[in-house]
PDB file of all heavy atoms in Angstrom:
ATOM      1  N   ALA A   1     115.353 100.991  91.768  1.00  0.00           N
ATOM      2  CA  ALA A   1     115.425 101.717  93.086  1.00  0.00           C
ATOM      3  C   ALA A   1     114.170 102.638  93.189  1.00  0.00           C
ATOM      4  O   ALA A   1     113.662 103.151  92.085  1.00  0.00           O
ATOM      5  CB  ALA A   1     116.691 102.543  93.287  1.00  0.00           C
ATOM      6  N   SER A   2     113.658 102.903  94.337  1.00  0.00           N
ATOM      7  CA  SER A   2     112.519 103.739  94.529  1.00  0.00           C
ATOM      8  C   SER A   2     112.707 104.550  95.779  1.00  0.00           C
ATOM      9  O   SER A   2     113.015 104.000  96.944  1.00  0.00           O
ATOM     10  CB  SER A   2     111.262 102.911  94.604  1.00  0.00           C
ATOM     11  OG  SER A   2     110.092 103.693  94.966  1.00  0.00           O
ATOM     12  N   GLY A   3     112.476 105.888  95.731  1.00  0.00           N
ATOM     13  CA  GLY A   3     112.435 106.658  96.925  1.00  0.00           C
ATOM     14  C   GLY A   3     111.136 106.346  97.693  1.00  0.00           C
ATOM     15  O   GLY A   3     110.094 105.973  97.107  1.00  0.00           O
ATOM     16  N   LEU A   4     111.324 106.373  99.049  1.00  0.00           N
ATOM     17  CA  LEU A   4     110.219 106.018  99.882  1.00  0.00           C
ATOM     18  C   LEU A   4     109.944 107.083 100.833  1.00  0.00           C
ATOM     19  O   LEU A   4     110.928 107.549 101.591  1.00  0.00           O
ATOM     20  CB  LEU A   4     110.461 104.708 100.543  1.00  0.00           C
ATOM     21  CG  LEU A   4     109.366 104.074 101.418  1.00  0.00           C
ATOM     22  CD1 LEU A   4     109.591 102.542 101.460  1.00  0.00           C
ATOM     23  CD2 LEU A   4     109.482 104.603 102.874  1.00  0.00           C
ATOM     24  N   VAL A   5     108.728 107.619 100.946  1.00  0.00           N
ATOM     25  CA  VAL A   5     108.351 108.644 101.921  1.00  0.00           C
ATOM     26  C   VAL A   5     107.182 108.001 102.724  1.00  0.00           C
ATOM     27  O   VAL A   5     106.120 107.672 102.190  1.00  0.00           O
ATOM     28  CB  VAL A   5     107.905 109.903 101.326  1.00  0.00           C
ATOM     29  CG1 VAL A   5     107.463 110.930 102.432  1.00  0.00           C
ATOM     30  CG2 VAL A   5     109.076 110.561 100.616  1.00  0.00           C
ATOM     31  N   TYR A   6     107.403 107.934 104.048  1.00  0.00           N
ATOM     32  CA  TYR A   6     106.321 107.442 104.907  1.00  0.00           C
ATOM     33  C   TYR A   6     105.314 108.527 105.158  1.00  0.00           C
ATOM     34  O   TYR A   6     105.621 109.495 105.847  1.00  0.00           O
ATOM     35  CB  TYR A   6     106.933 106.828 106.213  1.00  0.00           C
ATOM     36  CG  TYR A   6     105.850 106.412 107.189  1.00  0.00           C
ATOM     37  CD1 TYR A   6     105.054 105.199 106.836  1.00  0.00           C
ATOM     38  CD2 TYR A   6     105.558 106.997 108.430  1.00  0.00           C
ATOM     39  CE1 TYR A   6     104.124 104.732 107.718  1.00  0.00           C
ATOM     40  CE2 TYR A   6     104.555 106.520 109.206  1.00  0.00           C
ATOM     41  CZ  TYR A   6     103.873 105.442 108.868  1.00  0.00           C
ATOM     42  OH  TYR A   6     102.851 104.918 109.732  1.00  0.00           O
ATOM     43  N   PHE A   7     104.125 108.413 104.686  1.00  0.00           N
ATOM     44  CA  PHE A   7     103.042 109.450 104.798  1.00  0.00           C
ATOM     45  C   PHE A   7     102.344 109.293 106.089  1.00  0.00           C
ATOM     46  O   PHE A   7     102.193 110.266 106.814  1.00  0.00           O
ATOM     47  CB  PHE A   7     102.199 109.351 103.565  1.00  0.00           C
ATOM     48  CG  PHE A   7     101.172 110.438 103.511  1.00  0.00           C
ATOM     49  CD1 PHE A   7     101.542 111.747 103.285  1.00  0.00           C
ATOM     50  CD2 PHE A   7      99.766 110.183 103.880  1.00  0.00           C
ATOM     51  CE1 PHE A   7     100.588 112.747 103.316  1.00  0.00           C
ATOM     52  CE2 PHE A   7      98.842 111.180 103.772  1.00  0.00           C
ATOM     53  CZ  PHE A   7      99.215 112.534 103.531  1.00  0.00           C
ATOM     54  N   GLY A   8     101.872 108.185 106.449  1.00  0.00           N
ATOM     55  CA  GLY A   8     101.146 108.011 107.701  1.00  0.00           C
ATOM     56  C   GLY A   8      99.933 108.808 107.760  1.00  0.00           C
ATOM     57  O   GLY A   8      99.706 109.461 108.903  1.00  0.00           O
ATOM     58  N   GLY A   9      99.031 108.818 106.811  1.00  0.00           N
ATOM     59  CA  GLY A   9      97.910 109.723 106.828  1.00  0.00           C
ATOM     60  C   GLY A   9      96.751 109.051 107.554  1.00  0.00           C
ATOM     61  O   GLY A   9      96.690 107.889 107.854  1.00  0.00           O
ATOM     62  N   VAL A  10      95.743 109.918 108.004  1.00  0.00           N
ATOM     63  CA  VAL A  10      94.576 109.581 108.760  1.00  0.00           C
ATOM     64  C   VAL A  10      93.419 109.395 107.755  1.00  0.00           C
ATOM     65  O   VAL A  10      93.095 110.178 106.898  1.00  0.00           O
ATOM     66  CB  VAL A  10      94.260 110.493 109.832  1.00  0.00           C
ATOM     67  CG1 VAL A  10      92.952 110.219 110.461  1.00  0.00           C
ATOM     68  CG2 VAL A  10      95.366 110.577 110.853  1.00  0.00           C
ATOM     69  N   TYR A  11      92.714 108.264 107.833  1.00  0.00           N
ATOM     70  CA  TYR A  11      91.504 108.071 107.097  1.00  0.00           C
ATOM     71  C   TYR A  11      90.221 108.160 107.999  1.00  0.00           C
ATOM     72  O   TYR A  11      89.315 108.982 107.838  1.00  0.00           O
ATOM     73  CB  TYR A  11      91.481 106.705 106.438  1.00  0.00           C
ATOM     74  CG  TYR A  11      90.278 106.449 105.548  1.00  0.00           C
ATOM     75  CD1 TYR A  11      89.973 107.188 104.425  1.00  0.00           C
ATOM     76  CD2 TYR A  11      89.338 105.471 105.940  1.00  0.00           C
ATOM     77  CE1 TYR A  11      88.844 106.973 103.679  1.00  0.00           C
ATOM     78  CE2 TYR A  11      88.124 105.260 105.126  1.00  0.00           C
ATOM     79  CZ  TYR A  11      87.941 106.006 104.042  1.00  0.00           C
ATOM     80  OH  TYR A  11      86.796 105.816 103.354  1.00  0.00           O
ATOM     81  N   HIS A  12      90.214 107.262 109.044  1.00  0.00           N
ATOM     82  CA  HIS A  12      89.056 107.388 110.038  1.00  0.00           C
ATOM     83  C   HIS A  12      89.582 108.047 111.383  1.00  0.00           C
ATOM     84  O   HIS A  12      88.870 108.940 111.863  1.00  0.00           O
ATOM     85  CB  HIS A  12      88.498 105.947 110.308  1.00  0.00           C
ATOM     86  CG  HIS A  12      87.625 105.528 109.314  1.00  0.00           C
ATOM     87  ND1 HIS A  12      87.307 104.257 109.153  1.00  0.00           N
ATOM     88  CD2 HIS A  12      86.832 106.194 108.480  1.00  0.00           C
ATOM     89  CE1 HIS A  12      86.362 104.073 108.112  1.00  0.00           C
ATOM     90  NE2 HIS A  12      86.056 105.305 107.761  1.00  0.00           N
ATOM     91  N   GLY A  13      90.661 107.537 111.869  1.00  0.00           N
ATOM     92  CA  GLY A  13      91.142 108.053 113.161  1.00  0.00           C
ATOM     93  C   GLY A  13      92.643 108.193 113.182  1.00  0.00           C
ATOM     94  O   GLY A  13      93.403 107.736 112.240  1.00  0.00           O
ATOM     95  N   PRO A  14      93.158 108.718 114.292  1.00  0.00           N
ATOM     96  CA  PRO A  14      94.650 108.916 114.360  1.00  0.00           C
ATOM     97  C   PRO A  14      95.462 107.601 114.325  1.00  0.00           C
ATOM     98  O   PRO A  14      96.676 107.721 114.034  1.00  0.00           O
ATOM     99  CB  PRO A  14      94.780 109.597 115.814  1.00  0.00           C
ATOM    100  CG  PRO A  14      93.408 110.196 116.071  1.00  0.00           C
ATOM    101  CD  PRO A  14      92.435 109.233 115.441  1.00  0.00           C
ATOM    102  N   SER A  15      94.842 106.516 114.585  1.00  0.00           N
ATOM    103  CA  SER A  15      95.619 105.214 114.601  1.00  0.00           C
ATOM    104  C   SER A  15      95.719 104.627 113.252  1.00  0.00           C
ATOM    105  O   SER A  15      96.302 103.621 113.091  1.00  0.00           O
ATOM    106  CB  SER A  15      94.924 104.226 115.526  1.00  0.00           C
ATOM    107  OG  SER A  15      93.544 103.894 115.073  1.00  0.00           O
ATOM    108  N   ASP A  16      95.075 105.205 112.222  1.00  0.00           N
ATOM    109  CA  ASP A  16      95.204 104.686 110.813  1.00  0.00           C
ATOM    110  C   ASP A  16      96.547 104.554 110.374  1.00  0.00           C
ATOM    111  O   ASP A  16      97.074 103.553 109.945  1.00  0.00           O
ATOM    112  CB  ASP A  16      94.238 105.438 109.909  1.00  0.00           C
ATOM    113  CG  ASP A  16      92.802 105.226 110.203  1.00  0.00           C
ATOM    114  OD1 ASP A  16      92.557 104.245 110.905  1.00  0.00           O
ATOM    115  OD2 ASP A  16      91.927 106.031 109.731  1.00  0.00           O
ATOM    116  N   GLN A  17      97.289 105.759 110.125  1.00  0.00           N
ATOM    117  CA  GLN A  17      98.681 105.797 109.654  1.00  0.00           C
ATOM    118  C   GLN A  17      98.780 105.070 108.322  1.00  0.00           C
ATOM    119  O   GLN A  17      99.541 104.088 108.195  1.00  0.00           O
ATOM    120  CB  GLN A  17      99.586 105.220 110.699  1.00  0.00           C
ATOM    121  CG  GLN A  17      99.541 105.871 112.010  1.00  0.00           C
ATOM    122  CD  GLN A  17     100.445 105.241 113.097  1.00  0.00           C
ATOM    123  OE1 GLN A  17     101.261 104.361 112.747  1.00  0.00           O
ATOM    124  NE2 GLN A  17     100.348 105.679 114.360  1.00  0.00           N
ATOM    125  N   LEU A  18      98.071 105.559 107.330  1.00  0.00           N
ATOM    126  CA  LEU A  18      98.080 104.887 106.019  1.00  0.00           C
ATOM    127  C   LEU A  18      98.916 105.706 105.037  1.00  0.00           C
ATOM    128  O   LEU A  18      99.012 106.870 105.042  1.00  0.00           O
ATOM    129  CB  LEU A  18      96.686 104.849 105.462  1.00  0.00           C
ATOM    130  CG  LEU A  18      95.640 104.284 106.403  1.00  0.00           C
ATOM    131  CD1 LEU A  18      94.238 104.212 105.705  1.00  0.00           C
ATOM    132  CD2 LEU A  18      96.008 102.794 106.737  1.00  0.00           C
ATOM    133  N   GLY A  19      99.498 104.951 104.084  1.00  0.00           N
ATOM    134  CA  GLY A  19     100.090 105.643 102.921  1.00  0.00           C
ATOM    135  C   GLY A  19     101.647 105.622 102.933  1.00  0.00           C
ATOM    136  O   GLY A  19     102.270 106.026 103.880  1.00  0.00           O
ATOM    137  N   ILE A  20     102.202 105.102 101.882  1.00  0.00           N
ATOM    138  CA  ILE A  20     103.661 105.170 101.573  1.00  0.00           C
ATOM    139  C   ILE A  20     103.851 105.656 100.069  1.00  0.00           C
ATOM    140  O   ILE A  20     103.320 105.053  99.233  1.00  0.00           O
ATOM    141  CB  ILE A  20     104.291 103.736 101.652  1.00  0.00           C
ATOM    142  CG1 ILE A  20     104.053 103.128 103.049  1.00  0.00           C
ATOM    143  CG2 ILE A  20     105.806 103.868 101.463  1.00  0.00           C
ATOM    144  CD1 ILE A  20     104.453 101.642 103.218  1.00  0.00           C
ATOM    145  N   ALA A  21     104.473 106.755 100.046  1.00  0.00           N
ATOM    146  CA  ALA A  21     104.780 107.352  98.701  1.00  0.00           C
ATOM    147  C   ALA A  21     106.082 106.749  98.100  1.00  0.00           C
ATOM    148  O   ALA A  21     107.001 106.773  98.815  1.00  0.00           O
ATOM    149  CB  ALA A  21     104.965 108.923  98.886  1.00  0.00           C
ATOM    150  N   VAL A  22     105.954 106.263  96.870  1.00  0.00           N
ATOM    151  CA  VAL A  22     106.975 105.621  96.260  1.00  0.00           C
ATOM    152  C   VAL A  22     107.049 106.101  94.767  1.00  0.00           C
ATOM    153  O   VAL A  22     106.152 106.727  94.293  1.00  0.00           O
ATOM    154  CB  VAL A  22     106.819 104.086  96.217  1.00  0.00           C
ATOM    155  CG1 VAL A  22     106.784 103.485  97.658  1.00  0.00           C
ATOM    156  CG2 VAL A  22     105.612 103.603  95.527  1.00  0.00           C
ATOM    157  N   ASP A  23     108.208 105.730  94.143  1.00  0.00           N
ATOM    158  CA  ASP A  23     108.352 105.984  92.716  1.00  0.00           C
ATOM    159  C   ASP A  23     107.582 104.940  91.848  1.00  0.00           C
ATOM    160  O   ASP A  23     107.692 103.769  92.112  1.00  0.00           O
ATOM    161  CB  ASP A  23     109.769 106.076  92.348  1.00  0.00           C
ATOM    162  CG  ASP A  23     110.566 107.180  93.107  1.00  0.00           C
ATOM    163  OD1 ASP A  23     109.917 108.194  93.442  1.00  0.00           O
ATOM    164  OD2 ASP A  23     111.756 107.080  93.255  1.00  0.00           O
ATOM    165  N   ALA A  24     106.894 105.458  90.834  1.00  0.00           N
ATOM    166  CA  ALA A  24     106.148 104.558  89.955  1.00  0.00           C
ATOM    167  C   ALA A  24     106.928 104.068  88.797  1.00  0.00           C
ATOM    168  O   ALA A  24     106.506 103.040  88.185  1.00  0.00           O
ATOM    169  CB  ALA A  24     104.846 105.315  89.509  1.00  0.00           C
ATOM    170  N   ASP A  25     108.092 104.602  88.436  1.00  0.00           N
ATOM    171  CA  ASP A  25     108.758 104.245  87.174  1.00  0.00           C
ATOM    172  C   ASP A  25     109.269 102.809  87.103  1.00  0.00           C
ATOM    173  O   ASP A  25     109.240 102.192  86.033  1.00  0.00           O
ATOM    174  CB  ASP A  25     109.874 105.253  86.909  1.00  0.00           C
ATOM    175  CG  ASP A  25     110.843 105.291  88.078  1.00  0.00           C
ATOM    176  OD1 ASP A  25     110.509 104.804  89.123  1.00  0.00           O
ATOM    177  OD2 ASP A  25     111.992 105.851  87.829  1.00  0.00           O
ATOM    178  N   GLN A  26     109.579 102.184  88.208  1.00  0.00           N
ATOM    179  CA  GLN A  26     110.028 100.839  88.181  1.00  0.00           C
ATOM    180  C   GLN A  26     109.375  99.905  89.224  1.00  0.00           C
ATOM    181  O   GLN A  26     109.907  98.957  89.750  1.00  0.00           O
ATOM    182  CB  GLN A  26     111.671 100.861  88.539  1.00  0.00           C
ATOM    183  CG  GLN A  26     112.437 101.564  87.542  1.00  0.00           C
ATOM    184  CD  GLN A  26     113.938 101.530  87.918  1.00  0.00           C
ATOM    185  OE1 GLN A  26     114.313 101.941  89.044  1.00  0.00           O
ATOM    186  NE2 GLN A  26     114.807 101.007  87.060  1.00  0.00           N
ATOM    187  N   ALA A  27     108.126 100.189  89.375  1.00  0.00           N
ATOM    188  CA  ALA A  27     107.325  99.564  90.420  1.00  0.00           C
ATOM    189  C   ALA A  27     107.327  98.058  90.125  1.00  0.00           C
ATOM    190  O   ALA A  27     107.331  97.228  91.145  1.00  0.00           O
ATOM    191  CB  ALA A  27     105.843 100.057  90.443  1.00  0.00           C
ATOM    192  N   GLU A  28     107.075  97.576  88.889  1.00  0.00           N
ATOM    193  CA  GLU A  28     107.003  96.168  88.659  1.00  0.00           C
ATOM    194  C   GLU A  28     108.309  95.398  88.969  1.00  0.00           C
ATOM    195  O   GLU A  28     108.346  94.191  89.209  1.00  0.00           O
ATOM    196  CB  GLU A  28     106.594  95.869  87.227  1.00  0.00           C
ATOM    197  CG  GLU A  28     107.551  96.297  86.156  1.00  0.00           C
ATOM    198  CD  GLU A  28     107.320  97.768  85.695  1.00  0.00           C
ATOM    199  OE1 GLU A  28     106.903  98.591  86.628  1.00  0.00           O
ATOM    200  OE2 GLU A  28     107.591  98.088  84.482  1.00  0.00           O
ATOM    201  N   LEU A  29     109.401  96.145  88.812  1.00  0.00           N
ATOM    202  CA  LEU A  29     110.768  95.585  89.136  1.00  0.00           C
ATOM    203  C   LEU A  29     111.034  95.524  90.615  1.00  0.00           C
ATOM    204  O   LEU A  29     111.703  94.648  91.170  1.00  0.00           O
ATOM    205  CB  LEU A  29     111.806  96.276  88.405  1.00  0.00           C
ATOM    206  CG  LEU A  29     111.866  96.241  86.911  1.00  0.00           C
ATOM    207  CD1 LEU A  29     112.955  97.116  86.324  1.00  0.00           C
ATOM    208  CD2 LEU A  29     111.869  94.893  86.323  1.00  0.00           C
ATOM    209  N   MET A  30     110.427  96.473  91.341  1.00  0.00           N
ATOM    210  CA  MET A  30     110.721  96.644  92.786  1.00  0.00           C
ATOM    211  C   MET A  30     109.953  95.644  93.636  1.00  0.00           C
ATOM    212  O   MET A  30     110.411  95.085  94.547  1.00  0.00           O
ATOM    213  CB  MET A  30     110.336  98.083  93.234  1.00  0.00           C
ATOM    214  CG  MET A  30     111.408  99.117  92.970  1.00  0.00           C
ATOM    215  SD  MET A  30     112.998  98.793  93.685  1.00  0.00           S
ATOM    216  CE  MET A  30     112.466  98.406  95.402  1.00  0.00           C
ATOM    217  N   TRP A  31     108.602  95.445  93.271  1.00  0.00           N
ATOM    218  CA  TRP A  31     107.784  94.660  94.222  1.00  0.00           C
ATOM    219  C   TRP A  31     107.005  93.571  93.449  1.00  0.00           C
ATOM    220  O   TRP A  31     105.699  93.608  93.589  1.00  0.00           O
ATOM    221  CB  TRP A  31     106.791  95.664  94.928  1.00  0.00           C
ATOM    222  CG  TRP A  31     107.483  96.714  95.711  1.00  0.00           C
ATOM    223  CD1 TRP A  31     108.195  96.566  96.880  1.00  0.00           C
ATOM    224  CD2 TRP A  31     107.649  98.106  95.376  1.00  0.00           C
ATOM    225  NE1 TRP A  31     108.706  97.757  97.274  1.00  0.00           N
ATOM    226  CE2 TRP A  31     108.362  98.745  96.396  1.00  0.00           C
ATOM    227  CE3 TRP A  31     107.139  98.875  94.287  1.00  0.00           C
ATOM    228  CZ2 TRP A  31     108.696 100.056  96.410  1.00  0.00           C
ATOM    229  CZ3 TRP A  31     107.486 100.219  94.281  1.00  0.00           C
ATOM    230  CH2 TRP A  31     108.220 100.813  95.307  1.00  0.00           C
ATOM    231  N   PRO A  32     107.646  92.748  92.704  1.00  0.00           N
ATOM    232  CA  PRO A  32     106.922  91.684  92.048  1.00  0.00           C
ATOM    233  C   PRO A  32     106.190  90.760  93.080  1.00  0.00           C
ATOM    234  O   PRO A  32     105.069  90.199  92.772  1.00  0.00           O
ATOM    235  CB  PRO A  32     107.880  90.960  91.199  1.00  0.00           C
ATOM    236  CG  PRO A  32     109.276  91.240  91.887  1.00  0.00           C
ATOM    237  CD  PRO A  32     109.058  92.614  92.446  1.00  0.00           C
ATOM    238  N   ASP A  33     106.823  90.536  94.244  1.00  0.00           N
ATOM    239  CA  ASP A  33     106.228  89.618  95.196  1.00  0.00           C
ATOM    240  C   ASP A  33     105.012  90.339  95.825  1.00  0.00           C
ATOM    241  O   ASP A  33     104.263  89.560  96.562  1.00  0.00           O
ATOM    242  CB  ASP A  33     107.321  89.223  96.180  1.00  0.00           C
ATOM    243  CG  ASP A  33     107.972  90.462  96.847  1.00  0.00           C
ATOM    244  OD1 ASP A  33     108.156  91.474  96.198  1.00  0.00           O
ATOM    245  OD2 ASP A  33     108.467  90.292  97.982  1.00  0.00           O
TER     246      ASP A  33
END
């Protein structure tokens, strides 16, 4: 299991909406695909 926080940060402009904060401890089990 991993907590998920939608960050939606700006890199170039307001439409970027980048970044999802997740837990790193079980990343290889969570998203192998």
